[in-house]
Amino acid sequence: SMPELPDMTDKQRNALDKIEEIASLPNMNYRYRQEPGDILLLNNWVTLHKRSEFIDHDEEKKKRHILRAWVSPDNNRAIDPLFKDNYGDYRAGFVRGGMKASEK
């Protein structure tokens, strides 16, 4: 498990604000709207991403339905050993497990 994290300093908060400011520049991001049947693949270890707000459909059959798959290629990068409890192996080139699924 992850150790308790200390509160961020003002300097750290300012640094995160600057990252968000830069990432919001038109030439630094890509915006798109997914349509039914679209597949989006990205590497969470090298991509900053977020989603904008959305209003889901009232009808159950028309609500958005998203599936997540964790892909663990054998040529992956090493990750910080702090992730060992979640992923098993953190070394480069080793198959890793994923995060436990959340339940409603």
PDB file of N, CA and C in Angstrom:
ATOM      1  N   SER A   1       0.837  -1.191   0.000  1.00  0.00           N
ATOM      2  CA  SER A   1       0.000   0.000   0.000  1.00  0.00           C
ATOM      3  C   SER A   1       0.874   1.245   0.000  1.00  0.00           C
ATOM      4  N   MET A   2       0.287   2.342  -0.415  1.00  0.00           N
ATOM      5  CA  MET A   2       1.024   3.607  -0.503  1.00  0.00           C
ATOM      6  C   MET A   2       1.136   4.234   0.882  1.00  0.00           C
ATOM      7  N   PRO A   3       2.276   4.808   1.197  1.00  0.00           N
ATOM      8  CA  PRO A   3       2.417   5.479   2.494  1.00  0.00           C
ATOM      9  C   PRO A   3       1.567   6.749   2.541  1.00  0.00           C
ATOM     10  N   GLU A   4       1.270   7.218   3.733  1.00  0.00           N
ATOM     11  CA  GLU A   4       0.540   8.493   3.882  1.00  0.00           C
ATOM     12  C   GLU A   4       1.334   9.589   3.187  1.00  0.00           C
ATOM     13  N   LEU A   5       0.661  10.365   2.413  1.00  0.00           N
ATOM     14  CA  LEU A   5       1.341  11.446   1.703  1.00  0.00           C
ATOM     15  C   LEU A   5       1.203  12.746   2.479  1.00  0.00           C
ATOM     16  N   PRO A   6       2.270  13.512   2.579  1.00  0.00           N
ATOM     17  CA  PRO A   6       2.184  14.809   3.269  1.00  0.00           C
ATOM     18  C   PRO A   6       1.423  15.815   2.413  1.00  0.00           C
ATOM     19  N   ASP A   7       0.942  16.880   3.032  1.00  0.00           N
ATOM     20  CA  ASP A   7       0.295  17.956   2.281  1.00  0.00           C
ATOM     21  C   ASP A   7       1.292  18.548   1.292  1.00  0.00           C
ATOM     22  N   MET A   8       0.777  18.995   0.156  1.00  0.00           N
ATOM     23  CA  MET A   8       1.643  19.632  -0.828  1.00  0.00           C
ATOM     24  C   MET A   8       2.066  21.006  -0.330  1.00  0.00           C
ATOM     25  N   THR A   9       3.254  21.382  -0.711  1.00  0.00           N
ATOM     26  CA  THR A   9       3.736  22.724  -0.393  1.00  0.00           C
ATOM     27  C   THR A   9       3.161  23.703  -1.418  1.00  0.00           C
ATOM     28  N   ASP A  10       3.252  24.992  -1.127  1.00  0.00           N
ATOM     29  CA  ASP A  10       2.812  26.003  -2.093  1.00  0.00           C
ATOM     30  C   ASP A  10       3.596  25.872  -3.393  1.00  0.00           C
ATOM     31  N   LYS A  11       4.878  25.582  -3.285  1.00  0.00           N
ATOM     32  CA  LYS A  11       5.720  25.428  -4.474  1.00  0.00           C
ATOM     33  C   LYS A  11       5.228  24.253  -5.331  1.00  0.00           C
ATOM     34  N   GLN A  12       4.855  23.141  -4.689  1.00  0.00           N
ATOM     35  CA  GLN A  12       4.345  21.986  -5.424  1.00  0.00           C
ATOM     36  C   GLN A  12       2.993  22.297  -6.070  1.00  0.00           C
ATOM     37  N   ARG A  13       2.115  22.973  -5.335  1.00  0.00           N
ATOM     38  CA  ARG A  13       0.806  23.360  -5.874  1.00  0.00           C
ATOM     39  C   ARG A  13       0.982  24.272  -7.088  1.00  0.00           C
ATOM     40  N   ASN A  14       1.888  25.236  -6.970  1.00  0.00           N
ATOM     41  CA  ASN A  14       2.161  26.150  -8.085  1.00  0.00           C
ATOM     42  C   ASN A  14       2.703  25.398  -9.301  1.00  0.00           C
ATOM     43  N   ALA A  15       3.548  24.400  -9.055  1.00  0.00           N
ATOM     44  CA  ALA A  15       4.100  23.603 -10.156  1.00  0.00           C
ATOM     45  C   ALA A  15       2.987  22.838 -10.871  1.00  0.00           C
ATOM     46  N   LEU A  16       2.060  22.245 -10.120  1.00  0.00           N
ATOM     47  CA  LEU A  16       0.938  21.536 -10.743  1.00  0.00           C
ATOM     48  C   LEU A  16       0.032  22.493 -11.509  1.00  0.00           C
ATOM     49  N   ASP A  17      -0.191  23.677 -10.962  1.00  0.00           N
ATOM     50  CA  ASP A  17      -0.984  24.687 -11.672  1.00  0.00           C
ATOM     51  C   ASP A  17      -0.316  25.054 -12.997  1.00  0.00           C
ATOM     52  N   LYS A  18       1.013  25.170 -12.990  1.00  0.00           N
ATOM     53  CA  LYS A  18       1.754  25.517 -14.207  1.00  0.00           C
ATOM     54  C   LYS A  18       1.646  24.392 -15.237  1.00  0.00           C
ATOM     55  N   ILE A  19       1.728  23.143 -14.784  1.00  0.00           N
ATOM     56  CA  ILE A  19       1.575  22.004 -15.702  1.00  0.00           C
ATOM     57  C   ILE A  19       0.198  22.050 -16.356  1.00  0.00           C
ATOM     58  N   GLU A  20      -0.846  22.292 -15.558  1.00  0.00           N
ATOM     59  CA  GLU A  20      -2.200  22.362 -16.118  1.00  0.00           C
ATOM     60  C   GLU A  20      -2.334  23.530 -17.089  1.00  0.00           C
ATOM     61  N   GLU A  21      -1.727  24.657 -16.756  1.00  0.00           N
ATOM     62  CA  GLU A  21      -1.767  25.825 -17.644  1.00  0.00           C
ATOM     63  C   GLU A  21      -1.128  25.499 -18.994  1.00  0.00           C
ATOM     64  N   ILE A  22       0.039  24.879 -18.962  1.00  0.00           N
ATOM     65  CA  ILE A  22       0.745  24.533 -20.203  1.00  0.00           C
ATOM     66  C   ILE A  22      -0.032  23.476 -20.982  1.00  0.00           C
ATOM     67  N   ALA A  23      -0.541  22.464 -20.282  1.00  0.00           N
ATOM     68  CA  ALA A  23      -1.291  21.396 -20.952  1.00  0.00           C
ATOM     69  C   ALA A  23      -2.578  21.911 -21.588  1.00  0.00           C
ATOM     70  N   SER A  24      -3.088  23.038 -21.115  1.00  0.00           N
ATOM     71  CA  SER A  24      -4.327  23.609 -21.657  1.00  0.00           C
ATOM     72  C   SER A  24      -4.099  24.438 -22.919  1.00  0.00           C
ATOM     73  N   LEU A  25      -2.857  24.720 -23.261  1.00  0.00           N
ATOM     74  CA  LEU A  25      -2.570  25.478 -24.480  1.00  0.00           C
ATOM     75  C   LEU A  25      -3.027  24.679 -25.700  1.00  0.00           C
ATOM     76  N   PRO A  26      -3.606  25.351 -26.710  1.00  0.00           N
ATOM     77  CA  PRO A  26      -4.139  24.633 -27.878  1.00  0.00           C
ATOM     78  C   PRO A  26      -3.126  23.719 -28.571  1.00  0.00           C
ATOM     79  N   ASN A  27      -1.867  24.105 -28.598  1.00  0.00           N
ATOM     80  CA  ASN A  27      -0.862  23.283 -29.282  1.00  0.00           C
ATOM     81  C   ASN A  27      -0.287  22.182 -28.389  1.00  0.00           C
ATOM     82  N   MET A  28      -0.802  22.053 -27.172  1.00  0.00           N
ATOM     83  CA  MET A  28      -0.274  21.055 -26.238  1.00  0.00           C
ATOM     84  C   MET A  28      -1.294  19.973 -25.879  1.00  0.00           C
ATOM     85  N   ASN A  29      -2.460  19.998 -26.504  1.00  0.00           N
ATOM     86  CA  ASN A  29      -3.444  18.971 -26.172  1.00  0.00           C
ATOM     87  C   ASN A  29      -4.270  18.612 -27.392  1.00  0.00           C
ATOM     88  N   TYR A  30      -4.980  17.535 -27.263  1.00  0.00           N
ATOM     89  CA  TYR A  30      -5.836  17.039 -28.334  1.00  0.00           C
ATOM     90  C   TYR A  30      -7.210  16.779 -27.737  1.00  0.00           C
ATOM     91  N   ARG A  31      -8.222  17.391 -28.302  1.00  0.00           N
ATOM     92  CA  ARG A  31      -9.594  17.190 -27.824  1.00  0.00           C
ATOM     93  C   ARG A  31     -10.366  16.405 -28.877  1.00  0.00           C
ATOM     94  N   TYR A  32     -11.190  15.524 -28.428  1.00  0.00           N
ATOM     95  CA  TYR A  32     -11.989  14.718 -29.338  1.00  0.00           C
ATOM     96  C   TYR A  32     -13.256  14.269 -28.628  1.00  0.00           C
ATOM     97  N   ARG A  33     -14.212  13.842 -29.399  1.00  0.00           N
ATOM     98  CA  ARG A  33     -15.456  13.310 -28.850  1.00  0.00           C
ATOM     99  C   ARG A  33     -15.553  11.858 -29.310  1.00  0.00           C
ATOM    100  N   GLN A  34     -15.636  10.966 -28.363  1.00  0.00           N
ATOM    101  CA  GLN A  34     -15.788   9.562 -28.725  1.00  0.00           C
ATOM    102  C   GLN A  34     -17.213   9.289 -29.176  1.00  0.00           C
ATOM    103  N   GLU A  35     -17.325   8.417 -30.132  1.00  0.00           N
ATOM    104  CA  GLU A  35     -18.615   7.994 -30.665  1.00  0.00           C
ATOM    105  C   GLU A  35     -18.789   6.506 -30.370  1.00  0.00           C
ATOM    106  N   PRO A  36     -20.034   6.015 -30.404  1.00  0.00           N
ATOM    107  CA  PRO A  36     -20.256   4.580 -30.169  1.00  0.00           C
ATOM    108  C   PRO A  36     -19.365   3.736 -31.076  1.00  0.00           C
ATOM    109  N   GLY A  37     -18.708   2.760 -30.488  1.00  0.00           N
ATOM    110  CA  GLY A  37     -17.822   1.872 -31.235  1.00  0.00           C
ATOM    111  C   GLY A  37     -16.374   2.316 -31.258  1.00  0.00           C
ATOM    112  N   ASP A  38     -16.077   3.530 -30.814  1.00  0.00           N
ATOM    113  CA  ASP A  38     -14.693   4.011 -30.787  1.00  0.00           C
ATOM    114  C   ASP A  38     -13.875   3.243 -29.758  1.00  0.00           C
ATOM    115  N   ILE A  39     -12.611   3.076 -30.060  1.00  0.00           N
ATOM    116  CA  ILE A  39     -11.654   2.481 -29.126  1.00  0.00           C
ATOM    117  C   ILE A  39     -10.524   3.485 -28.945  1.00  0.00           C
ATOM    118  N   LEU A  40     -10.149   3.729 -27.715  1.00  0.00           N
ATOM    119  CA  LEU A  40      -9.057   4.643 -27.407  1.00  0.00           C
ATOM    120  C   LEU A  40      -7.993   3.865 -26.644  1.00  0.00           C
ATOM    121  N   LEU A  41      -6.781   3.863 -27.157  1.00  0.00           N
ATOM    122  CA  LEU A  41      -5.660   3.209 -26.489  1.00  0.00           C
ATOM    123  C   LEU A  41      -4.629   4.273 -26.150  1.00  0.00           C
ATOM    124  N   LEU A  42      -4.155   4.274 -24.911  1.00  0.00           N
ATOM    125  CA  LEU A  42      -3.086   5.187 -24.525  1.00  0.00           C
ATOM    126  C   LEU A  42      -2.273   4.563 -23.405  1.00  0.00           C
ATOM    127  N   ASN A  43      -1.098   5.078 -23.223  1.00  0.00           N
ATOM    128  CA  ASN A  43      -0.192   4.588 -22.191  1.00  0.00           C
ATOM    129  C   ASN A  43      -0.264   5.549 -21.006  1.00  0.00           C
ATOM    130  N   ASN A  44      -0.874   5.094 -19.913  1.00  0.00           N
ATOM    131  CA  ASN A  44      -1.038   5.944 -18.732  1.00  0.00           C
ATOM    132  C   ASN A  44       0.282   6.398 -18.122  1.00  0.00           C
ATOM    133  N   TRP A  45       1.352   5.709 -18.412  1.00  0.00           N
ATOM    134  CA  TRP A  45       2.640   6.066 -17.816  1.00  0.00           C
ATOM    135  C   TRP A  45       3.321   7.212 -18.547  1.00  0.00           C
ATOM    136  N   VAL A  46       2.866   7.539 -19.751  1.00  0.00           N
ATOM    137  CA  VAL A  46       3.506   8.617 -20.515  1.00  0.00           C
ATOM    138  C   VAL A  46       2.510   9.640 -21.054  1.00  0.00           C
ATOM    139  N   THR A  47       1.245   9.534 -20.668  1.00  0.00           N
ATOM    140  CA  THR A  47       0.202  10.420 -21.174  1.00  0.00           C
ATOM    141  C   THR A  47      -0.544  11.075 -20.023  1.00  0.00           C
ATOM    142  N   LEU A  48      -0.654  12.387 -20.047  1.00  0.00           N
ATOM    143  CA  LEU A  48      -1.547  13.072 -19.116  1.00  0.00           C
ATOM    144  C   LEU A  48      -2.913  13.118 -19.782  1.00  0.00           C
ATOM    145  N   HIS A  49      -3.944  12.766 -19.057  1.00  0.00           N
ATOM    146  CA  HIS A  49      -5.266  12.793 -19.667  1.00  0.00           C
ATOM    147  C   HIS A  49      -6.328  13.135 -18.640  1.00  0.00           C
ATOM    148  N   LYS A  50      -7.410  13.660 -19.142  1.00  0.00           N
ATOM    149  CA  LYS A  50      -8.582  13.933 -18.315  1.00  0.00           C
ATOM    150  C   LYS A  50      -9.780  13.955 -19.245  1.00  0.00           C
ATOM    151  N   ARG A  51     -10.941  14.005 -18.669  1.00  0.00           N
ATOM    152  CA  ARG A  51     -12.137  14.110 -19.491  1.00  0.00           C
ATOM    153  C   ARG A  51     -12.922  15.328 -19.044  1.00  0.00           C
ATOM    154  N   SER A  52     -13.722  15.839 -19.951  1.00  0.00           N
ATOM    155  CA  SER A  52     -14.584  16.963 -19.600  1.00  0.00           C
ATOM    156  C   SER A  52     -15.889  16.416 -19.020  1.00  0.00           C
ATOM    157  N   GLU A  53     -16.678  17.316 -18.443  1.00  0.00           N
ATOM    158  CA  GLU A  53     -17.966  16.913 -17.881  1.00  0.00           C
ATOM    159  C   GLU A  53     -18.866  16.350 -18.965  1.00  0.00           C
ATOM    160  N   PHE A  54     -19.771  15.489 -18.566  1.00  0.00           N
ATOM    161  CA  PHE A  54     -20.772  15.006 -19.504  1.00  0.00           C
ATOM    162  C   PHE A  54     -22.064  14.763 -18.738  1.00  0.00           C
ATOM    163  N   ILE A  55     -23.166  14.808 -19.457  1.00  0.00           N
ATOM    164  CA  ILE A  55     -24.465  14.484 -18.870  1.00  0.00           C
ATOM    165  C   ILE A  55     -24.914  13.190 -19.518  1.00  0.00           C
ATOM    166  N   ASP A  56     -25.089  12.163 -18.703  1.00  0.00           N
ATOM    167  CA  ASP A  56     -25.468  10.860 -19.225  1.00  0.00           C
ATOM    168  C   ASP A  56     -26.943  10.859 -19.607  1.00  0.00           C
ATOM    169  N   HIS A  57     -27.312   9.938 -20.455  1.00  0.00           N
ATOM    170  CA  HIS A  57     -28.692   9.813 -20.922  1.00  0.00           C
ATOM    171  C   HIS A  57     -29.575   9.264 -19.807  1.00  0.00           C
ATOM    172  N   ASP A  58     -30.826   9.683 -19.779  1.00  0.00           N
ATOM    173  CA  ASP A  58     -31.767   9.186 -18.769  1.00  0.00           C
ATOM    174  C   ASP A  58     -32.162   7.732 -19.009  1.00  0.00           C
ATOM    175  N   GLU A  59     -32.285   7.344 -20.281  1.00  0.00           N
ATOM    176  CA  GLU A  59     -32.690   5.977 -20.598  1.00  0.00           C
ATOM    177  C   GLU A  59     -31.535   5.015 -20.352  1.00  0.00           C
ATOM    178  N   GLU A  60     -31.811   3.952 -19.608  1.00  0.00           N
ATOM    179  CA  GLU A  60     -30.774   2.982 -19.235  1.00  0.00           C
ATOM    180  C   GLU A  60     -30.041   2.429 -20.460  1.00  0.00           C
ATOM    181  N   LYS A  61     -30.771   2.101 -21.519  1.00  0.00           N
ATOM    182  CA  LYS A  61     -30.152   1.500 -22.703  1.00  0.00           C
ATOM    183  C   LYS A  61     -29.272   2.482 -23.471  1.00  0.00           C
ATOM    184  N   LYS A  62     -29.412   3.775 -23.199  1.00  0.00           N
ATOM    185  CA  LYS A  62     -28.632   4.777 -23.916  1.00  0.00           C
ATOM    186  C   LYS A  62     -27.507   5.370 -23.065  1.00  0.00           C
ATOM    187  N   LYS A  63     -27.374   4.896 -21.820  1.00  0.00           N
ATOM    188  CA  LYS A  63     -26.307   5.408 -20.955  1.00  0.00           C
ATOM    189  C   LYS A  63     -24.947   4.998 -21.504  1.00  0.00           C
ATOM    190  N   ARG A  64     -23.971   5.785 -21.212  1.00  0.00           N
ATOM    191  CA  ARG A  64     -22.631   5.476 -21.700  1.00  0.00           C
ATOM    192  C   ARG A  64     -22.117   4.238 -20.978  1.00  0.00           C
ATOM    193  N   HIS A  65     -21.365   3.441 -21.710  1.00  0.00           N
ATOM    194  CA  HIS A  65     -20.840   2.183 -21.177  1.00  0.00           C
ATOM    195  C   HIS A  65     -19.367   2.103 -21.565  1.00  0.00           C
ATOM    196  N   ILE A  66     -18.507   2.129 -20.572  1.00  0.00           N
ATOM    197  CA  ILE A  66     -17.072   2.141 -20.838  1.00  0.00           C
ATOM    198  C   ILE A  66     -16.438   0.908 -20.209  1.00  0.00           C
ATOM    199  N   LEU A  67     -15.579   0.260 -20.961  1.00  0.00           N
ATOM    200  CA  LEU A  67     -14.816  -0.875 -20.451  1.00  0.00           C
ATOM    201  C   LEU A  67     -13.345  -0.482 -20.435  1.00  0.00           C
ATOM    202  N   ARG A  68     -12.644  -0.924 -19.415  1.00  0.00           N
ATOM    203  CA  ARG A  68     -11.216  -0.637 -19.303  1.00  0.00           C
ATOM    204  C   ARG A  68     -10.455  -1.959 -19.377  1.00  0.00           C
ATOM    205  N   ALA A  69      -9.391  -1.962 -20.139  1.00  0.00           N
ATOM    206  CA  ALA A  69      -8.526  -3.139 -20.225  1.00  0.00           C
ATOM    207  C   ALA A  69      -7.108  -2.713 -19.874  1.00  0.00           C
ATOM    208  N   TRP A  70      -6.445  -3.513 -19.079  1.00  0.00           N
ATOM    209  CA  TRP A  70      -5.049  -3.253 -18.737  1.00  0.00           C
ATOM    210  C   TRP A  70      -4.186  -4.136 -19.624  1.00  0.00           C
ATOM    211  N   VAL A  71      -3.347  -3.515 -20.425  1.00  0.00           N
ATOM    212  CA  VAL A  71      -2.457  -4.245 -21.309  1.00  0.00           C
ATOM    213  C   VAL A  71      -1.059  -4.175 -20.717  1.00  0.00           C
ATOM    214  N   SER A  72      -0.420  -5.322 -20.616  1.00  0.00           N
ATOM    215  CA  SER A  72       0.920  -5.359 -20.037  1.00  0.00           C
ATOM    216  C   SER A  72       1.887  -5.973 -21.046  1.00  0.00           C
ATOM    217  N   PRO A  73       2.452  -5.149 -21.928  1.00  0.00           N
ATOM    218  CA  PRO A  73       3.373  -5.691 -22.927  1.00  0.00           C
ATOM    219  C   PRO A  73       4.680  -6.133 -22.283  1.00  0.00           C
ATOM    220  N   ASP A  74       5.354  -7.057 -22.935  1.00  0.00           N
ATOM    221  CA  ASP A  74       6.603  -7.558 -22.353  1.00  0.00           C
ATOM    222  C   ASP A  74       7.780  -6.611 -22.575  1.00  0.00           C
ATOM    223  N   ASN A  75       7.560  -5.506 -23.285  1.00  0.00           N
ATOM    224  CA  ASN A  75       8.637  -4.522 -23.464  1.00  0.00           C
ATOM    225  C   ASN A  75       8.332  -3.232 -22.696  1.00  0.00           C
ATOM    226  N   ASN A  76       7.623  -3.367 -21.577  1.00  0.00           N
ATOM    227  CA  ASN A  76       7.235  -2.183 -20.799  1.00  0.00           C
ATOM    228  C   ASN A  76       8.421  -1.560 -20.069  1.00  0.00           C
ATOM    229  N   ARG A  77       8.191  -0.365 -19.552  1.00  0.00           N
ATOM    230  CA  ARG A  77       9.214   0.363 -18.806  1.00  0.00           C
ATOM    231  C   ARG A  77       9.173  -0.027 -17.335  1.00  0.00           C
ATOM    232  N   ALA A  78      10.263   0.211 -16.654  1.00  0.00           N
ATOM    233  CA  ALA A  78      10.270   0.043 -15.197  1.00  0.00           C
ATOM    234  C   ALA A  78       9.406   1.141 -14.585  1.00  0.00           C
ATOM    235  N   ILE A  79       8.765   0.824 -13.458  1.00  0.00           N
ATOM    236  CA  ILE A  79       7.995   1.826 -12.724  1.00  0.00           C
ATOM    237  C   ILE A  79       8.530   1.891 -11.301  1.00  0.00           C
ATOM    238  N   ASP A  80       8.134   2.887 -10.566  1.00  0.00           N
ATOM    239  CA  ASP A  80       8.622   3.070  -9.204  1.00  0.00           C
ATOM    240  C   ASP A  80       8.247   1.872  -8.329  1.00  0.00           C
ATOM    241  N   PRO A  81       9.169   1.385  -7.508  1.00  0.00           N
ATOM    242  CA  PRO A  81       8.879   0.256  -6.617  1.00  0.00           C
ATOM    243  C   PRO A  81       7.683   0.487  -5.686  1.00  0.00           C
ATOM    244  N   LEU A  82       7.274   1.745  -5.470  1.00  0.00           N
ATOM    245  CA  LEU A  82       6.090   2.006  -4.648  1.00  0.00           C
ATOM    246  C   LEU A  82       4.835   1.354  -5.223  1.00  0.00           C
ATOM    247  N   PHE A  83       4.843   1.021  -6.513  1.00  0.00           N
ATOM    248  CA  PHE A  83       3.678   0.419  -7.153  1.00  0.00           C
ATOM    249  C   PHE A  83       3.645  -1.107  -7.032  1.00  0.00           C
ATOM    250  N   LYS A  84       4.605  -1.692  -6.351  1.00  0.00           N
ATOM    251  CA  LYS A  84       4.699  -3.155  -6.256  1.00  0.00           C
ATOM    252  C   LYS A  84       3.420  -3.792  -5.744  1.00  0.00           C
ATOM    253  N   ASP A  85       2.805  -3.242  -4.701  1.00  0.00           N
ATOM    254  CA  ASP A  85       1.587  -3.845  -4.145  1.00  0.00           C
ATOM    255  C   ASP A  85       0.446  -3.877  -5.158  1.00  0.00           C
ATOM    256  N   ASN A  86       0.375  -2.891  -6.015  1.00  0.00           N
ATOM    257  CA  ASN A  86      -0.707  -2.841  -7.004  1.00  0.00           C
ATOM    258  C   ASN A  86      -0.408  -3.635  -8.268  1.00  0.00           C
ATOM    259  N   TYR A  87       0.835  -3.635  -8.707  1.00  0.00           N
ATOM    260  CA  TYR A  87       1.165  -4.214 -10.005  1.00  0.00           C
ATOM    261  C   TYR A  87       1.984  -5.489  -9.937  1.00  0.00           C
ATOM    262  N   GLY A  88       2.444  -5.870  -8.761  1.00  0.00           N
ATOM    263  CA  GLY A  88       3.263  -7.075  -8.668  1.00  0.00           C
ATOM    264  C   GLY A  88       4.707  -6.745  -8.977  1.00  0.00           C
ATOM    265  N   ASP A  89       5.080  -6.800 -10.224  1.00  0.00           N
ATOM    266  CA  ASP A  89       6.467  -6.537 -10.608  1.00  0.00           C
ATOM    267  C   ASP A  89       6.594  -5.129 -11.160  1.00  0.00           C
ATOM    268  N   TYR A  90       7.623  -4.437 -10.780  1.00  0.00           N
ATOM    269  CA  TYR A  90       7.811  -3.054 -11.232  1.00  0.00           C
ATOM    270  C   TYR A  90       8.998  -2.917 -12.175  1.00  0.00           C
ATOM    271  N   ARG A  91       9.709  -4.025 -12.421  1.00  0.00           N
ATOM    272  CA  ARG A  91      10.889  -3.968 -13.289  1.00  0.00           C
ATOM    273  C   ARG A  91      10.485  -3.897 -14.760  1.00  0.00           C
ATOM    274  N   ALA A  92      11.377  -3.372 -15.585  1.00  0.00           N
ATOM    275  CA  ALA A  92      11.132  -3.299 -17.027  1.00  0.00           C
ATOM    276  C   ALA A  92      11.078  -4.703 -17.612  1.00  0.00           C
ATOM    277  N   GLY A  93      10.178  -4.895 -18.575  1.00  0.00           N
ATOM    278  CA  GLY A  93      10.124  -6.156 -19.293  1.00  0.00           C
ATOM    279  C   GLY A  93       9.387  -7.279 -18.590  1.00  0.00           C
ATOM    280  N   PHE A  94       8.707  -7.007 -17.486  1.00  0.00           N
ATOM    281  CA  PHE A  94       7.976  -8.043 -16.761  1.00  0.00           C
ATOM    282  C   PHE A  94       6.480  -7.774 -16.829  1.00  0.00           C
ATOM    283  N   VAL A  95       5.700  -8.829 -16.997  1.00  0.00           N
ATOM    284  CA  VAL A  95       4.247  -8.691 -17.047  1.00  0.00           C
ATOM    285  C   VAL A  95       3.753  -8.276 -15.673  1.00  0.00           C
ATOM    286  N   ARG A  96       2.854  -7.310 -15.650  1.00  0.00           N
ATOM    287  CA  ARG A  96       2.312  -6.797 -14.391  1.00  0.00           C
ATOM    288  C   ARG A  96       0.817  -7.018 -14.333  1.00  0.00           C
ATOM    289  N   GLY A  97       0.303  -7.075 -13.115  1.00  0.00           N
ATOM    290  CA  GLY A  97      -1.145  -7.078 -12.911  1.00  0.00           C
ATOM    291  C   GLY A  97      -1.633  -5.646 -12.924  1.00  0.00           C
ATOM    292  N   GLY A  98      -2.935  -5.467 -12.833  1.00  0.00           N
ATOM    293  CA  GLY A  98      -3.507  -4.127 -12.841  1.00  0.00           C
ATOM    294  C   GLY A  98      -4.120  -3.784 -11.502  1.00  0.00           C
ATOM    295  N   MET A  99      -4.725  -2.628 -11.437  1.00  0.00           N
ATOM    296  CA  MET A  99      -5.402  -2.188 -10.222  1.00  0.00           C
ATOM    297  C   MET A  99      -6.670  -3.012 -10.040  1.00  0.00           C
ATOM    298  N   LYS A 100      -7.073  -3.195  -8.797  1.00  0.00           N
ATOM    299  CA  LYS A 100      -8.311  -3.910  -8.529  1.00  0.00           C
ATOM    300  C   LYS A 100      -9.482  -3.071  -9.029  1.00  0.00           C
ATOM    301  N   ALA A 101     -10.484  -3.741  -9.578  1.00  0.00           N
ATOM    302  CA  ALA A 101     -11.660  -3.038 -10.103  1.00  0.00           C
ATOM    303  C   ALA A 101     -12.438  -2.405  -8.966  1.00  0.00           C
ATOM    304  N   SER A 102     -13.013  -1.250  -9.234  1.00  0.00           N
ATOM    305  CA  SER A 102     -13.847  -0.600  -8.225  1.00  0.00           C
ATOM    306  C   SER A 102     -15.259  -1.158  -8.327  1.00  0.00           C
ATOM    307  N   GLU A 103     -15.951  -1.122  -7.228  1.00  0.00           N
ATOM    308  CA  GLU A 103     -17.331  -1.597  -7.204  1.00  0.00           C
ATOM    309  C   GLU A 103     -18.228  -0.452  -6.808  1.00  0.00           C
ATOM    310  N   LYS A 104     -19.441  -0.453  -7.343  1.00  0.00           N
ATOM    311  CA  LYS A 104     -20.404   0.600  -6.985  1.00  0.00           C
ATOM    312  C   LYS A 104     -21.037   0.274  -5.661  1.00  0.00           C
TER     313      LYS A 104
END
